[in-house]
Amino acid sequence: MNEKLVRVGTTYIPVQHVDVSAKWYTEKLGANLNYQDDDKAILDLANQSFFLVRSQENENSNFTDYTGQKRFSLTFEVDGLGNLLKLHQQFRELGIQTEDIEDRGHAGENFVFSDPDGNRFDVWSELSPSYKKIIEQTAEVKK
């Protein structure tokens, strides 16, 4: 089999109120709204498509690991610790529920934030090597 998964194209996020969530994602995270109706909103954020899907009450994208810790299912990346620190401060100033920055014992540092529906997301201070390579190649082409 020569086929392989190339990239993640769309992430679906359960929300209670599509209109409220779409406004929050555009105003707080800078997402671009492409489409919205009563059941869903389609956003562009962090080079990916996100569908905010109206869900049943108390649904979210989190899960509980074997130790009982509530976990996130998605990590965003920023380019370096300085950018992580700035974003963390900006999120707090915007009133986004934001946890403290932490060292998890691997490269870089992280923090977790939540949307109004309690969906938790991670932010990491390191760009993935494959994405960094794409950025470098794009910069070379532009020269």
C-alpha atoms as a PDB file:
ATOM      1  CA  MET A   1       0.000   0.000   0.000  1.00  0.00           C
ATOM      2  CA  ASN A   2       1.589   3.250  -1.157  1.00  0.00           C
ATOM      3  CA  GLU A   3      -1.145   5.561   0.128  1.00  0.00           C
ATOM      4  CA  LYS A   4      -0.585   7.378   3.380  1.00  0.00           C
ATOM      5  CA  LEU A   5      -2.321   9.959   5.473  1.00  0.00           C
ATOM      6  CA  VAL A   6      -0.869  13.325   4.512  1.00  0.00           C
ATOM      7  CA  ARG A   7      -2.399  15.821   6.918  1.00  0.00           C
ATOM      8  CA  VAL A   8      -5.345  16.537   9.174  1.00  0.00           C
ATOM      9  CA  GLY A   9      -7.834  18.584   7.183  1.00  0.00           C
ATOM     10  CA  THR A  10     -10.707  19.160   9.577  1.00  0.00           C
ATOM     11  CA  THR A  11     -11.282  18.983  13.310  1.00  0.00           C
ATOM     12  CA  TYR A  12     -14.818  18.784  14.707  1.00  0.00           C
ATOM     13  CA  ILE A  13     -15.527  20.496  18.025  1.00  0.00           C
ATOM     14  CA  PRO A  14     -18.791  19.963  19.911  1.00  0.00           C
ATOM     15  CA  VAL A  15     -20.483  23.175  21.095  1.00  0.00           C
ATOM     16  CA  GLN A  16     -23.816  24.050  22.696  1.00  0.00           C
ATOM     17  CA  HIS A  17     -24.500  27.347  20.908  1.00  0.00           C
ATOM     18  CA  VAL A  18     -22.994  27.628  17.432  1.00  0.00           C
ATOM     19  CA  ASP A  19     -23.458  31.407  17.226  1.00  0.00           C
ATOM     20  CA  VAL A  20     -21.858  32.099  20.624  1.00  0.00           C
ATOM     21  CA  SER A  21     -18.953  29.737  19.941  1.00  0.00           C
ATOM     22  CA  ALA A  22     -18.317  31.065  16.431  1.00  0.00           C
ATOM     23  CA  LYS A  23     -18.137  34.587  17.831  1.00  0.00           C
ATOM     24  CA  TRP A  24     -15.759  33.446  20.608  1.00  0.00           C
ATOM     25  CA  TYR A  25     -13.400  31.630  18.200  1.00  0.00           C
ATOM     26  CA  THR A  26     -13.285  34.574  15.793  1.00  0.00           C
ATOM     27  CA  GLU A  27     -12.917  37.294  18.438  1.00  0.00           C
ATOM     28  CA  LYS A  28     -10.657  35.510  20.931  1.00  0.00           C
ATOM     29  CA  LEU A  29      -8.560  33.214  18.706  1.00  0.00           C
ATOM     30  CA  GLY A  30      -8.638  35.146  15.430  1.00  0.00           C
ATOM     31  CA  ALA A  31     -10.357  32.386  13.435  1.00  0.00           C
ATOM     32  CA  ASN A  32     -11.930  33.248  10.083  1.00  0.00           C
ATOM     33  CA  LEU A  33     -15.604  32.343   9.774  1.00  0.00           C
ATOM     34  CA  ASN A  34     -16.395  30.725   6.402  1.00  0.00           C
ATOM     35  CA  TYR A  35     -19.933  29.475   6.981  1.00  0.00           C
ATOM     36  CA  GLN A  36     -22.521  29.327   9.735  1.00  0.00           C
ATOM     37  CA  ASP A  37     -26.023  27.980  10.226  1.00  0.00           C
ATOM     38  CA  ASP A  38     -27.990  26.700  13.257  1.00  0.00           C
ATOM     39  CA  ASP A  39     -26.142  23.359  13.302  1.00  0.00           C
ATOM     40  CA  LYS A  40     -22.526  24.260  12.556  1.00  0.00           C
ATOM     41  CA  ALA A  41     -19.923  26.905  11.870  1.00  0.00           C
ATOM     42  CA  ILE A  42     -16.918  26.347   9.619  1.00  0.00           C
ATOM     43  CA  LEU A  43     -13.769  28.212  10.629  1.00  0.00           C
ATOM     44  CA  ASP A  44     -10.190  28.532   9.391  1.00  0.00           C
ATOM     45  CA  LEU A  45      -7.746  28.521  12.304  1.00  0.00           C
ATOM     46  CA  ALA A  46      -4.061  27.602  12.500  1.00  0.00           C
ATOM     47  CA  ASN A  47      -3.936  26.387   8.875  1.00  0.00           C
ATOM     48  CA  GLN A  48      -6.804  23.970   9.434  1.00  0.00           C
ATOM     49  CA  SER A  49     -10.562  23.810   9.053  1.00  0.00           C
ATOM     50  CA  PHE A  50     -12.589  23.567  12.262  1.00  0.00           C
ATOM     51  CA  PHE A  51     -16.269  22.639  12.367  1.00  0.00           C
ATOM     52  CA  LEU A  52     -18.088  23.845  15.465  1.00  0.00           C
ATOM     53  CA  VAL A  53     -20.940  21.347  15.616  1.00  0.00           C
ATOM     54  CA  ARG A  54     -24.038  21.794  17.742  1.00  0.00           C
ATOM     55  CA  SER A  55     -24.008  18.908  20.189  1.00  0.00           C
ATOM     56  CA  GLN A  56     -26.046  17.519  23.009  1.00  0.00           C
ATOM     57  CA  GLU A  57     -25.741  19.136  26.429  1.00  0.00           C
ATOM     58  CA  ASN A  58     -22.470  18.539  28.339  1.00  0.00           C
ATOM     59  CA  GLU A  59     -20.607  17.136  25.302  1.00  0.00           C
ATOM     60  CA  ASN A  60     -17.030  18.230  24.652  1.00  0.00           C
ATOM     61  CA  SER A  61     -13.852  16.931  23.064  1.00  0.00           C
ATOM     62  CA  ASN A  62     -12.052  16.114  26.327  1.00  0.00           C
ATOM     63  CA  PHE A  63     -11.363  12.681  27.705  1.00  0.00           C
ATOM     64  CA  THR A  64     -10.182  11.272  31.020  1.00  0.00           C
ATOM     65  CA  ASP A  65      -6.924   9.310  31.065  1.00  0.00           C
ATOM     66  CA  TYR A  66      -6.277   6.212  33.173  1.00  0.00           C
ATOM     67  CA  THR A  67      -5.137   8.325  36.153  1.00  0.00           C
ATOM     68  CA  GLY A  68      -8.395  10.291  36.164  1.00  0.00           C
ATOM     69  CA  GLN A  69      -6.869  13.453  34.679  1.00  0.00           C
ATOM     70  CA  LYS A  70      -9.040  15.433  32.230  1.00  0.00           C
ATOM     71  CA  ARG A  71      -7.145  15.651  28.923  1.00  0.00           C
ATOM     72  CA  PHE A  72      -7.278  17.652  25.696  1.00  0.00           C
ATOM     73  CA  SER A  73      -7.263  16.069  22.258  1.00  0.00           C
ATOM     74  CA  LEU A  74      -5.529  18.822  20.291  1.00  0.00           C
ATOM     75  CA  THR A  75      -2.261  20.743  20.629  1.00  0.00           C
ATOM     76  CA  PHE A  76      -1.580  24.016  18.828  1.00  0.00           C
ATOM     77  CA  GLU A  77       2.031  25.052  18.171  1.00  0.00           C
ATOM     78  CA  VAL A  78       3.738  28.434  18.350  1.00  0.00           C
ATOM     79  CA  ASP A  79       7.262  29.306  17.265  1.00  0.00           C
ATOM     80  CA  GLY A  80       9.329  29.517  20.432  1.00  0.00           C
ATOM     81  CA  LEU A  81       9.016  30.221  24.131  1.00  0.00           C
ATOM     82  CA  GLY A  82       8.776  33.985  23.636  1.00  0.00           C
ATOM     83  CA  ASN A  83       5.696  33.566  21.466  1.00  0.00           C
ATOM     84  CA  LEU A  84       4.191  31.112  23.956  1.00  0.00           C
ATOM     85  CA  LEU A  85       4.653  33.630  26.786  1.00  0.00           C
ATOM     86  CA  LYS A  86       3.079  36.437  24.734  1.00  0.00           C
ATOM     87  CA  LEU A  87       0.120  34.305  23.683  1.00  0.00           C
ATOM     88  CA  HIS A  88      -0.436  33.112  27.248  1.00  0.00           C
ATOM     89  CA  GLN A  89      -0.558  36.717  28.482  1.00  0.00           C
ATOM     90  CA  GLN A  90      -2.813  37.757  25.595  1.00  0.00           C
ATOM     91  CA  PHE A  91      -5.274  34.917  26.316  1.00  0.00           C
ATOM     92  CA  ARG A  92      -5.453  35.896  29.982  1.00  0.00           C
ATOM     93  CA  GLU A  93      -6.056  39.550  29.047  1.00  0.00           C
ATOM     94  CA  LEU A  94      -8.869  38.408  26.727  1.00  0.00           C
ATOM     95  CA  GLY A  95     -10.475  36.539  29.613  1.00  0.00           C
ATOM     96  CA  ILE A  96      -9.853  33.092  28.125  1.00  0.00           C
ATOM     97  CA  GLN A  97      -9.730  30.371  30.781  1.00  0.00           C
ATOM     98  CA  THR A  98      -5.971  29.702  30.694  1.00  0.00           C
ATOM     99  CA  GLU A  99      -3.919  27.433  32.932  1.00  0.00           C
ATOM    100  CA  ASP A 100      -0.330  28.128  34.013  1.00  0.00           C
ATOM    101  CA  ILE A 101       2.632  27.483  31.713  1.00  0.00           C
ATOM    102  CA  GLU A 102       4.264  24.186  32.548  1.00  0.00           C
ATOM    103  CA  ASP A 103       7.400  22.177  31.818  1.00  0.00           C
ATOM    104  CA  ARG A 104       6.345  18.604  31.051  1.00  0.00           C
ATOM    105  CA  GLY A 105       9.854  17.205  30.846  1.00  0.00           C
ATOM    106  CA  HIS A 106      10.201  17.336  27.059  1.00  0.00           C
ATOM    107  CA  ALA A 107      11.359  20.039  24.656  1.00  0.00           C
ATOM    108  CA  GLY A 108       9.517  23.309  25.066  1.00  0.00           C
ATOM    109  CA  GLU A 109       6.783  24.375  27.429  1.00  0.00           C
ATOM    110  CA  ASN A 110       3.005  24.207  27.275  1.00  0.00           C
ATOM    111  CA  PHE A 111      -0.215  25.656  28.599  1.00  0.00           C
ATOM    112  CA  VAL A 112      -3.843  24.605  28.360  1.00  0.00           C
ATOM    113  CA  PHE A 113      -6.818  26.840  27.590  1.00  0.00           C
ATOM    114  CA  SER A 114     -10.544  26.189  27.303  1.00  0.00           C
ATOM    115  CA  ASP A 115     -13.365  27.470  25.125  1.00  0.00           C
ATOM    116  CA  PRO A 116     -16.775  28.444  26.569  1.00  0.00           C
ATOM    117  CA  ASP A 117     -18.018  24.837  26.245  1.00  0.00           C
ATOM    118  CA  GLY A 118     -15.109  23.462  28.279  1.00  0.00           C
ATOM    119  CA  ASN A 119     -13.219  22.022  25.288  1.00  0.00           C
ATOM    120  CA  ARG A 120      -9.587  22.004  26.411  1.00  0.00           C
ATOM    121  CA  PHE A 121      -6.710  22.747  24.036  1.00  0.00           C
ATOM    122  CA  ASP A 122      -2.971  22.592  24.542  1.00  0.00           C
ATOM    123  CA  VAL A 123      -0.402  25.093  23.232  1.00  0.00           C
ATOM    124  CA  TRP A 124       3.231  24.015  22.775  1.00  0.00           C
ATOM    125  CA  SER A 125       6.199  26.340  22.322  1.00  0.00           C
ATOM    126  CA  GLU A 126       7.827  24.173  19.641  1.00  0.00           C
ATOM    127  CA  LEU A 127       6.973  23.832  15.973  1.00  0.00           C
ATOM    128  CA  SER A 128       6.965  20.274  14.647  1.00  0.00           C
ATOM    129  CA  PRO A 129      10.112  19.518  12.613  1.00  0.00           C
ATOM    130  CA  SER A 130       8.074  18.732   9.479  1.00  0.00           C
ATOM    131  CA  TYR A 131       6.201  22.035   9.700  1.00  0.00           C
ATOM    132  CA  LYS A 132       9.422  23.943  10.391  1.00  0.00           C
ATOM    133  CA  LYS A 133      10.863  22.407   7.225  1.00  0.00           C
ATOM    134  CA  ILE A 134       7.861  23.584   5.193  1.00  0.00           C
ATOM    135  CA  ILE A 135       8.289  27.113   6.561  1.00  0.00           C
ATOM    136  CA  GLU A 136      11.994  27.095   5.677  1.00  0.00           C
ATOM    137  CA  GLN A 137      11.301  25.812   2.155  1.00  0.00           C
ATOM    138  CA  THR A 138       8.621  28.463   1.644  1.00  0.00           C
ATOM    139  CA  ALA A 139      11.025  31.185   2.795  1.00  0.00           C
ATOM    140  CA  GLU A 140      13.677  29.928   0.344  1.00  0.00           C
ATOM    141  CA  VAL A 141      11.231  30.017  -2.566  1.00  0.00           C
ATOM    142  CA  LYS A 142      10.241  33.598  -1.715  1.00  0.00           C
ATOM    143  CA  LYS A 143      13.882  34.781  -1.857  1.00  0.00           C
END
